[in-house]
C-alpha cells in the first residue's frame, strides 16, 4: 500500500514540475485551452474524490497506529512496554519498536504530501485555465478596439466629405463625431 502512495507522490511531483516549467505564454495558453476542452475535471471527479478519501483514510490509519506506538512507549522509559511488567526489554525489540515508529512517521509525511499536492495541482490547473481564458478575452477586446478604431476613422472621413473641407458655411472645427456606442454621458 505504501509503495502505491509513494508512486502516487512521485507522479504528482512530476505533474507539478510539468505544470510550473516556464513555457512561453502563447504556447501555454494554447495548451490550456486545448486541455480545457477535454473537460478532465468533470471526467475525473469520481476517481479523484475516491483517491482523496483513500489518502485521508490512510492518513487517519497511520496517525492512529503512531498514537498506539506512543501510548505503548509511555509504559517504559526506555521505549518497551514489557519493562513495566518486570521483564527486561530486549535490544532487538526496542529497535523494532523504533523502526515501526519511524515507518509510521514516514507514512504520515508521504500521505500528507500526496494530499497537499493533490490540492496544489488542482489549484494550479484552475489558475492556468483562468489565465488562458482572460488572455483570450483581452485579445478579443483588442481586436474589437482596433475594429472600432477603423470604424471611427471611416466615420470621420465620411463627416469630412459631407461637410466639405473648403466650405466655410458649416463650422466643423471642435465638433467630434463618435459612434453611438462610444458617446459619453456628460
C-alpha atoms as a PDB file:
ATOM      1  CA  UNK A   1       0.000   0.000   0.000  1.00  0.00           C
ATOM      2  CA  UNK A   2       2.736   2.467   0.935  1.00  0.00           C
ATOM      3  CA  UNK A   3       4.624   1.758  -2.270  1.00  0.00           C
ATOM      4  CA  UNK A   4       1.483   2.837  -4.124  1.00  0.00           C
ATOM      5  CA  UNK A   5       1.295   6.045  -2.086  1.00  0.00           C
ATOM      6  CA  UNK A   6       4.964   6.702  -2.830  1.00  0.00           C
ATOM      7  CA  UNK A   7       4.406   6.132  -6.581  1.00  0.00           C
ATOM      8  CA  UNK A   8       1.383   8.462  -6.470  1.00  0.00           C
ATOM      9  CA  UNK A   9       3.512  11.106  -4.752  1.00  0.00           C
ATOM     10  CA  UNK A  10       6.214  10.793  -7.414  1.00  0.00           C
ATOM     11  CA  UNK A  11       3.565  11.070 -10.150  1.00  0.00           C
ATOM     12  CA  UNK A  12       2.139  14.182  -8.501  1.00  0.00           C
ATOM     13  CA  UNK A  13       5.611  15.701  -8.167  1.00  0.00           C
ATOM     14  CA  UNK A  14       6.286  15.064 -11.864  1.00  0.00           C
ATOM     15  CA  UNK A  15       2.952  16.589 -12.871  1.00  0.00           C
ATOM     16  CA  UNK A  16       3.590  19.626 -10.660  1.00  0.00           C
ATOM     17  CA  UNK A  17       7.013  20.052 -12.237  1.00  0.00           C
ATOM     18  CA  UNK A  18       5.484  19.921 -15.725  1.00  0.00           C
ATOM     19  CA  UNK A  19       2.841  22.481 -14.747  1.00  0.00           C
ATOM     20  CA  UNK A  20       5.333  25.001 -13.362  1.00  0.00           C
ATOM     21  CA  UNK A  21       8.014  24.724 -16.073  1.00  0.00           C
ATOM     22  CA  UNK A  22       8.330  28.136 -17.714  1.00  0.00           C
ATOM     23  CA  UNK A  23       6.837  27.932 -21.195  1.00  0.00           C
ATOM     24  CA  UNK A  24       6.111  30.886 -23.496  1.00  0.00           C
ATOM     25  CA  UNK A  25       2.727  32.381 -22.712  1.00  0.00           C
ATOM     26  CA  UNK A  26       1.143  31.761 -26.112  1.00  0.00           C
ATOM     27  CA  UNK A  27       2.128  28.090 -26.106  1.00  0.00           C
ATOM     28  CA  UNK A  28       0.924  27.623 -22.520  1.00  0.00           C
ATOM     29  CA  UNK A  29      -2.404  29.331 -23.281  1.00  0.00           C
ATOM     30  CA  UNK A  30      -2.873  27.207 -26.412  1.00  0.00           C
ATOM     31  CA  UNK A  31      -2.191  24.014 -24.434  1.00  0.00           C
ATOM     32  CA  UNK A  32      -4.506  25.110 -21.605  1.00  0.00           C
ATOM     33  CA  UNK A  33      -7.355  25.864 -23.984  1.00  0.00           C
ATOM     34  CA  UNK A  34      -6.944  22.516 -25.767  1.00  0.00           C
ATOM     35  CA  UNK A  35      -6.798  20.584 -22.482  1.00  0.00           C
ATOM     36  CA  UNK A  36      -9.742  22.503 -21.002  1.00  0.00           C
ATOM     37  CA  UNK A  37     -11.889  21.410 -23.938  1.00  0.00           C
ATOM     38  CA  UNK A  38     -11.414  17.805 -22.772  1.00  0.00           C
ATOM     39  CA  UNK A  39     -13.314  18.627 -19.542  1.00  0.00           C
ATOM     40  CA  UNK A  40     -10.999  16.470 -17.443  1.00  0.00           C
ATOM     41  CA  UNK A  41     -12.301  17.997 -14.226  1.00  0.00           C
ATOM     42  CA  UNK A  42     -15.774  16.583 -14.843  1.00  0.00           C
ATOM     43  CA  UNK A  43     -14.492  13.236 -16.108  1.00  0.00           C
ATOM     44  CA  UNK A  44     -12.023  12.656 -13.259  1.00  0.00           C
ATOM     45  CA  UNK A  45     -14.204  13.943 -10.410  1.00  0.00           C
ATOM     46  CA  UNK A  46     -15.194  10.483  -9.104  1.00  0.00           C
ATOM     47  CA  UNK A  47     -11.683   8.916  -9.275  1.00  0.00           C
ATOM     48  CA  UNK A  48     -10.111  11.990  -7.667  1.00  0.00           C
ATOM     49  CA  UNK A  49     -12.728  12.003  -4.911  1.00  0.00           C
ATOM     50  CA  UNK A  50     -12.045   8.303  -4.279  1.00  0.00           C
ATOM     51  CA  UNK A  51      -8.307   8.969  -4.222  1.00  0.00           C
ATOM     52  CA  UNK A  52      -8.816  11.826  -1.756  1.00  0.00           C
ATOM     53  CA  UNK A  53     -10.827   9.637   0.633  1.00  0.00           C
ATOM     54  CA  UNK A  54      -8.342   6.741   0.306  1.00  0.00           C
ATOM     55  CA  UNK A  55      -5.471   9.064   1.199  1.00  0.00           C
ATOM     56  CA  UNK A  56      -7.472  10.555   4.046  1.00  0.00           C
ATOM     57  CA  UNK A  57      -8.220   7.058   5.388  1.00  0.00           C
ATOM     58  CA  UNK A  58      -4.520   6.128   5.115  1.00  0.00           C
ATOM     59  CA  UNK A  59      -3.593   9.299   6.998  1.00  0.00           C
ATOM     60  CA  UNK A  60      -6.042   8.545   9.803  1.00  0.00           C
ATOM     61  CA  UNK A  61      -4.936   4.904   9.990  1.00  0.00           C
ATOM     62  CA  UNK A  62      -1.259   5.820  10.219  1.00  0.00           C
ATOM     63  CA  UNK A  63      -1.949   8.533  12.785  1.00  0.00           C
ATOM     64  CA  UNK A  64      -3.828   6.045  14.966  1.00  0.00           C
ATOM     65  CA  UNK A  65      -1.033   3.480  14.582  1.00  0.00           C
ATOM     66  CA  UNK A  66       1.583   6.043  15.575  1.00  0.00           C
ATOM     67  CA  UNK A  67      -0.540   7.139  18.545  1.00  0.00           C
ATOM     68  CA  UNK A  68      -0.761   3.476  19.613  1.00  0.00           C
ATOM     69  CA  UNK A  69       3.037   3.162  19.421  1.00  0.00           C
ATOM     70  CA  UNK A  70       3.448   6.291  21.546  1.00  0.00           C
ATOM     71  CA  UNK A  71       0.983   5.078  24.187  1.00  0.00           C
ATOM     72  CA  UNK A  72       2.776   1.733  24.462  1.00  0.00           C
ATOM     73  CA  UNK A  73       6.117   3.524  24.778  1.00  0.00           C
ATOM     74  CA  UNK A  74       4.782   5.554  27.705  1.00  0.00           C
ATOM     75  CA  UNK A  75       4.693   2.398  29.776  1.00  0.00           C
ATOM     76  CA  UNK A  76       8.509   2.157  29.663  1.00  0.00           C
ATOM     77  CA  UNK A  77      11.024   4.997  29.868  1.00  0.00           C
ATOM     78  CA  UNK A  78      13.300   3.007  27.517  1.00  0.00           C
ATOM     79  CA  UNK A  79      10.544   2.536  24.964  1.00  0.00           C
ATOM     80  CA  UNK A  80       9.432  -1.024  25.709  1.00  0.00           C
ATOM     81  CA  UNK A  81       6.058  -1.791  27.346  1.00  0.00           C
ATOM     82  CA  UNK A  82       7.168  -5.112  28.840  1.00  0.00           C
ATOM     83  CA  UNK A  83       9.620  -3.411  31.214  1.00  0.00           C
ATOM     84  CA  UNK A  84       6.743  -2.067  33.260  1.00  0.00           C
ATOM     85  CA  UNK A  85       5.741  -5.699  33.965  1.00  0.00           C
ATOM     86  CA  UNK A  86       9.161  -6.582  35.342  1.00  0.00           C
ATOM     87  CA  UNK A  87      10.572  -8.096  32.146  1.00  0.00           C
ATOM     88  CA  UNK A  88      13.799  -6.543  30.873  1.00  0.00           C
ATOM     89  CA  UNK A  89      13.479  -5.236  27.328  1.00  0.00           C
ATOM     90  CA  UNK A  90      15.379  -6.948  24.574  1.00  0.00           C
ATOM     91  CA  UNK A  91      17.550  -4.543  22.492  1.00  0.00           C
ATOM     92  CA  UNK A  92      16.149  -6.071  19.310  1.00  0.00           C
ATOM     93  CA  UNK A  93      12.576  -5.391  20.457  1.00  0.00           C
ATOM     94  CA  UNK A  94      13.465  -1.767  21.197  1.00  0.00           C
ATOM     95  CA  UNK A  95      14.982  -1.469  17.744  1.00  0.00           C
ATOM     96  CA  UNK A  96      11.846  -2.962  16.154  1.00  0.00           C
ATOM     97  CA  UNK A  97       9.621  -0.502  18.007  1.00  0.00           C
ATOM     98  CA  UNK A  98      11.796   2.412  16.850  1.00  0.00           C
ATOM     99  CA  UNK A  99      11.646   1.074  13.299  1.00  0.00           C
ATOM    100  CA  UNK A 100       7.828   0.873  13.427  1.00  0.00           C
ATOM    101  CA  UNK A 101       7.707   4.417  14.805  1.00  0.00           C
ATOM    102  CA  UNK A 102       9.990   5.662  12.024  1.00  0.00           C
ATOM    103  CA  UNK A 103       7.916   3.957   9.321  1.00  0.00           C
ATOM    104  CA  UNK A 104       4.652   5.306  10.712  1.00  0.00           C
ATOM    105  CA  UNK A 105       6.074   8.827  10.785  1.00  0.00           C
ATOM    106  CA  UNK A 106       7.389   8.439   7.238  1.00  0.00           C
ATOM    107  CA  UNK A 107       3.980   7.214   6.078  1.00  0.00           C
ATOM    108  CA  UNK A 108       2.287  10.247   7.620  1.00  0.00           C
ATOM    109  CA  UNK A 109       4.622  12.508   5.657  1.00  0.00           C
ATOM    110  CA  UNK A 110       4.029  10.554   2.421  1.00  0.00           C
ATOM    111  CA  UNK A 111       0.251  10.754   2.720  1.00  0.00           C
ATOM    112  CA  UNK A 112       0.312  14.373   3.866  1.00  0.00           C
ATOM    113  CA  UNK A 113       2.444  15.470   0.931  1.00  0.00           C
ATOM    114  CA  UNK A 114       0.317  13.432  -1.518  1.00  0.00           C
ATOM    115  CA  UNK A 115      -2.852  15.113  -0.222  1.00  0.00           C
ATOM    116  CA  UNK A 116      -1.245  18.541  -0.344  1.00  0.00           C
ATOM    117  CA  UNK A 117      -0.022  18.086  -3.907  1.00  0.00           C
ATOM    118  CA  UNK A 118      -3.473  16.892  -4.943  1.00  0.00           C
ATOM    119  CA  UNK A 119      -4.871  20.278  -3.911  1.00  0.00           C
ATOM    120  CA  UNK A 120      -1.902  22.209  -5.320  1.00  0.00           C
ATOM    121  CA  UNK A 121      -2.238  20.568  -8.748  1.00  0.00           C
ATOM    122  CA  UNK A 122      -5.962  21.330  -8.774  1.00  0.00           C
ATOM    123  CA  UNK A 123      -5.385  24.985  -7.965  1.00  0.00           C
ATOM    124  CA  UNK A 124      -2.529  25.393 -10.462  1.00  0.00           C
ATOM    125  CA  UNK A 125      -4.661  23.963 -13.261  1.00  0.00           C
ATOM    126  CA  UNK A 126      -7.586  26.238 -12.339  1.00  0.00           C
ATOM    127  CA  UNK A 127      -5.326  29.296 -12.344  1.00  0.00           C
ATOM    128  CA  UNK A 128      -3.780  28.337 -15.676  1.00  0.00           C
ATOM    129  CA  UNK A 129      -7.206  27.859 -17.247  1.00  0.00           C
ATOM    130  CA  UNK A 130      -8.465  31.203 -15.879  1.00  0.00           C
ATOM    131  CA  UNK A 131      -5.310  32.913 -17.171  1.00  0.00           C
ATOM    132  CA  UNK A 132      -5.761  31.423 -20.646  1.00  0.00           C
ATOM    133  CA  UNK A 133      -9.418  32.483 -20.743  1.00  0.00           C
ATOM    134  CA  UNK A 134      -8.560  36.022 -19.626  1.00  0.00           C
ATOM    135  CA  UNK A 135      -5.806  36.251 -22.244  1.00  0.00           C
ATOM    136  CA  UNK A 136      -8.360  35.221 -24.864  1.00  0.00           C
ATOM    137  CA  UNK A 137     -10.788  37.895 -23.668  1.00  0.00           C
ATOM    138  CA  UNK A 138      -8.039  40.530 -23.747  1.00  0.00           C
ATOM    139  CA  UNK A 139      -7.179  39.532 -27.312  1.00  0.00           C
ATOM    140  CA  UNK A 140     -10.854  39.767 -28.300  1.00  0.00           C
ATOM    141  CA  UNK A 141     -11.111  43.231 -26.713  1.00  0.00           C
ATOM    142  CA  UNK A 142      -8.009  44.372 -28.565  1.00  0.00           C
ATOM    143  CA  UNK A 143      -9.473  43.166 -31.854  1.00  0.00           C
ATOM    144  CA  UNK A 144     -12.772  44.900 -31.075  1.00  0.00           C
ATOM    145  CA  UNK A 145     -10.947  48.109 -30.181  1.00  0.00           C
ATOM    146  CA  UNK A 146      -8.964  48.010 -33.390  1.00  0.00           C
ATOM    147  CA  UNK A 147     -12.181  47.427 -35.347  1.00  0.00           C
ATOM    148  CA  UNK A 148     -13.803  50.362 -33.539  1.00  0.00           C
ATOM    149  CA  UNK A 149     -10.753  52.472 -34.330  1.00  0.00           C
ATOM    150  CA  UNK A 150     -11.188  51.639 -38.011  1.00  0.00           C
ATOM    151  CA  UNK A 151     -14.895  52.494 -37.777  1.00  0.00           C
ATOM    152  CA  UNK A 152     -14.102  55.870 -36.166  1.00  0.00           C
ATOM    153  CA  UNK A 153     -11.616  56.704 -38.900  1.00  0.00           C
ATOM    154  CA  UNK A 154     -14.167  55.803 -41.573  1.00  0.00           C
ATOM    155  CA  UNK A 155     -16.852  57.896 -39.810  1.00  0.00           C
ATOM    156  CA  UNK A 156     -14.529  60.916 -39.599  1.00  0.00           C
ATOM    157  CA  UNK A 157     -13.704  60.586 -43.298  1.00  0.00           C
ATOM    158  CA  UNK A 158     -17.414  60.452 -44.167  1.00  0.00           C
ATOM    159  CA  UNK A 159     -18.106  63.522 -41.989  1.00  0.00           C
ATOM    160  CA  UNK A 160     -15.310  65.490 -43.642  1.00  0.00           C
ATOM    161  CA  UNK A 161     -16.567  64.529 -47.090  1.00  0.00           C
ATOM    162  CA  UNK A 162     -20.189  65.550 -46.351  1.00  0.00           C
ATOM    163  CA  UNK A 163     -19.348  68.906 -44.705  1.00  0.00           C
ATOM    164  CA  UNK A 164     -16.836  69.798 -47.374  1.00  0.00           C
ATOM    165  CA  UNK A 165     -13.343  70.759 -46.313  1.00  0.00           C
ATOM    166  CA  UNK A 166     -13.206  74.037 -48.204  1.00  0.00           C
ATOM    167  CA  UNK A 167     -16.749  75.054 -47.253  1.00  0.00           C
ATOM    168  CA  UNK A 168     -16.798  77.795 -44.621  1.00  0.00           C
ATOM    169  CA  UNK A 169     -20.579  77.731 -44.210  1.00  0.00           C
ATOM    170  CA  UNK A 170     -20.597  74.850 -41.695  1.00  0.00           C
ATOM    171  CA  UNK A 171     -18.356  75.208 -38.645  1.00  0.00           C
ATOM    172  CA  UNK A 172     -16.630  71.811 -38.393  1.00  0.00           C
ATOM    173  CA  UNK A 173     -13.898  72.854 -36.007  1.00  0.00           C
ATOM    174  CA  UNK A 174     -14.266  71.464 -32.462  1.00  0.00           C
ATOM    175  CA  UNK A 175     -17.036  69.046 -33.438  1.00  0.00           C
ATOM    176  CA  UNK A 176     -16.190  65.455 -32.819  1.00  0.00           C
ATOM    177  CA  UNK A 177     -18.231  62.682 -34.390  1.00  0.00           C
ATOM    178  CA  UNK A 178     -18.332  59.425 -32.405  1.00  0.00           C
ATOM    179  CA  UNK A 179     -20.329  56.255 -32.933  1.00  0.00           C
ATOM    180  CA  UNK A 180     -23.407  55.994 -30.714  1.00  0.00           C
ATOM    181  CA  UNK A 181     -21.913  53.213 -28.613  1.00  0.00           C
ATOM    182  CA  UNK A 182     -18.883  55.263 -27.626  1.00  0.00           C
ATOM    183  CA  UNK A 183     -20.659  58.534 -26.703  1.00  0.00           C
ATOM    184  CA  UNK A 184     -20.008  59.518 -23.135  1.00  0.00           C
ATOM    185  CA  UNK A 185     -22.790  60.826 -20.985  1.00  0.00           C
ATOM    186  CA  UNK A 186     -21.940  64.253 -19.588  1.00  0.00           C
END
